[in-house]
Structure formats: structure tokens, C-alpha cells
Amino acid sequence: MIDSPKVLCNVVECKYNEAAKKCNAGSIQVTKHHGQVRTTEATDCGTFELGDGREKV
């Protein structure tokens, strides 16, 4: 089993935000704001990097 990465969060208004820096929710939902995403600003993921375009299943 691979350890999950630490999830950092700067949304201090969220009830899952621990010490204004770490998310302690049981799962995370990352969303996109456009049909085709090419930039970090088009997502709610600060670590987004454009992939090879192939869908991961």
C-alpha cells in the first residue's frame, strides 16, 4: 500500500482545516471549472500539472 501525500489547505474557513494548514477530511474532492483544463487556475488543485491528455481509469 502506498502512503497518501499530506494534503495542505489554506482555506481557514473550512471545518476540516487543521491549524490553518492541513486538511483532515476523510476524502478530498478536487474539481475543475472548465471542460478542458490546461492551467492551475482552471482547477481547485494548487499542485495541478498538465498531463499527457490520456484519461486515467
C-alpha atoms as a PDB file:
ATOM      1  CA  MET A   1       0.000   0.000   0.000  1.00  0.00           C
ATOM      2  CA  ILE A   2       1.284   3.455  -0.918  1.00  0.00           C
ATOM      3  CA  ASP A   3       1.063   6.201   1.699  1.00  0.00           C
ATOM      4  CA  SER A   4      -1.114   9.108   0.644  1.00  0.00           C
ATOM      5  CA  PRO A   5       0.557  12.507   0.453  1.00  0.00           C
ATOM      6  CA  LYS A   6      -0.078  15.123   3.098  1.00  0.00           C
ATOM      7  CA  VAL A   7      -2.914  17.423   1.985  1.00  0.00           C
ATOM      8  CA  LEU A   8      -2.168  21.083   2.649  1.00  0.00           C
ATOM      9  CA  CYS A   9      -5.001  23.596   2.835  1.00  0.00           C
ATOM     10  CA  ASN A  10      -5.115  27.383   3.145  1.00  0.00           C
ATOM     11  CA  VAL A  11      -8.922  27.606   3.363  1.00  0.00           C
ATOM     12  CA  VAL A  12      -9.094  28.548   7.028  1.00  0.00           C
ATOM     13  CA  GLU A  13     -12.908  28.795   6.933  1.00  0.00           C
ATOM     14  CA  CYS A  14     -13.265  25.032   6.336  1.00  0.00           C
ATOM     15  CA  LYS A  15     -14.103  22.826   9.327  1.00  0.00           C
ATOM     16  CA  TYR A  16     -11.565  20.228   8.102  1.00  0.00           C
ATOM     17  CA  ASN A  17      -8.694  22.732   8.165  1.00  0.00           C
ATOM     18  CA  GLU A  18      -6.300  21.840  10.986  1.00  0.00           C
ATOM     19  CA  ALA A  19      -4.094  24.620  12.375  1.00  0.00           C
ATOM     20  CA  ALA A  20      -4.754  26.712   9.227  1.00  0.00           C
ATOM     21  CA  LYS A  21      -2.532  24.494   7.080  1.00  0.00           C
ATOM     22  CA  LYS A  22      -3.548  20.805   6.855  1.00  0.00           C
ATOM     23  CA  CYS A  23      -6.752  19.082   5.696  1.00  0.00           C
ATOM     24  CA  ASN A  24      -8.032  16.333   7.972  1.00  0.00           C
ATOM     25  CA  ALA A  25     -11.119  15.290   5.948  1.00  0.00           C
ATOM     26  CA  GLY A  26     -11.633  11.584   5.240  1.00  0.00           C
ATOM     27  CA  SER A  27     -11.515  12.190   1.472  1.00  0.00           C
ATOM     28  CA  ILE A  28     -10.804  15.106  -0.866  1.00  0.00           C
ATOM     29  CA  GLN A  29     -12.806  16.218  -3.928  1.00  0.00           C
ATOM     30  CA  VAL A  30     -10.756  18.221  -6.445  1.00  0.00           C
ATOM     31  CA  THR A  31     -12.808  19.927  -9.150  1.00  0.00           C
ATOM     32  CA  LYS A  32     -12.279  21.729 -12.423  1.00  0.00           C
ATOM     33  CA  HIS A  33     -14.031  24.843 -13.680  1.00  0.00           C
ATOM     34  CA  HIS A  34     -13.790  24.243 -17.454  1.00  0.00           C
ATOM     35  CA  GLY A  35     -14.315  21.315 -19.840  1.00  0.00           C
ATOM     36  CA  GLN A  36     -10.661  21.378 -20.934  1.00  0.00           C
ATOM     37  CA  VAL A  37      -8.142  22.174 -18.208  1.00  0.00           C
ATOM     38  CA  ARG A  38      -4.673  23.469 -19.014  1.00  0.00           C
ATOM     39  CA  THR A  39      -3.824  25.695 -16.028  1.00  0.00           C
ATOM     40  CA  THR A  40      -3.882  25.556 -12.233  1.00  0.00           C
ATOM     41  CA  GLU A  41      -6.382  28.433 -12.210  1.00  0.00           C
ATOM     42  CA  ALA A  42      -8.928  26.236 -14.029  1.00  0.00           C
ATOM     43  CA  THR A  43      -8.985  23.819 -11.071  1.00  0.00           C
ATOM     44  CA  ASP A  44      -9.277  23.751  -7.305  1.00  0.00           C
ATOM     45  CA  CYS A  45      -5.892  21.994  -7.198  1.00  0.00           C
ATOM     46  CA  GLY A  46      -2.841  24.127  -6.403  1.00  0.00           C
ATOM     47  CA  THR A  47      -0.471  21.344  -7.475  1.00  0.00           C
ATOM     48  CA  PHE A  48      -2.093  20.729 -10.887  1.00  0.00           C
ATOM     49  CA  GLU A  49       0.297  19.879 -13.725  1.00  0.00           C
ATOM     50  CA  LEU A  50      -0.875  19.260 -17.266  1.00  0.00           C
ATOM     51  CA  GLY A  51      -0.701  15.555 -18.092  1.00  0.00           C
ATOM     52  CA  ASP A  52      -0.380  13.695 -21.383  1.00  0.00           C
ATOM     53  CA  GLY A  53      -4.093  14.014 -22.144  1.00  0.00           C
ATOM     54  CA  ARG A  54      -4.904  10.339 -21.650  1.00  0.00           C
ATOM     55  CA  GLU A  55      -7.782   9.613 -19.303  1.00  0.00           C
ATOM     56  CA  LYS A  56      -6.759   7.656 -16.226  1.00  0.00           C
ATOM     57  CA  VAL A  57      -9.181   4.860 -15.450  1.00  0.00           C
END
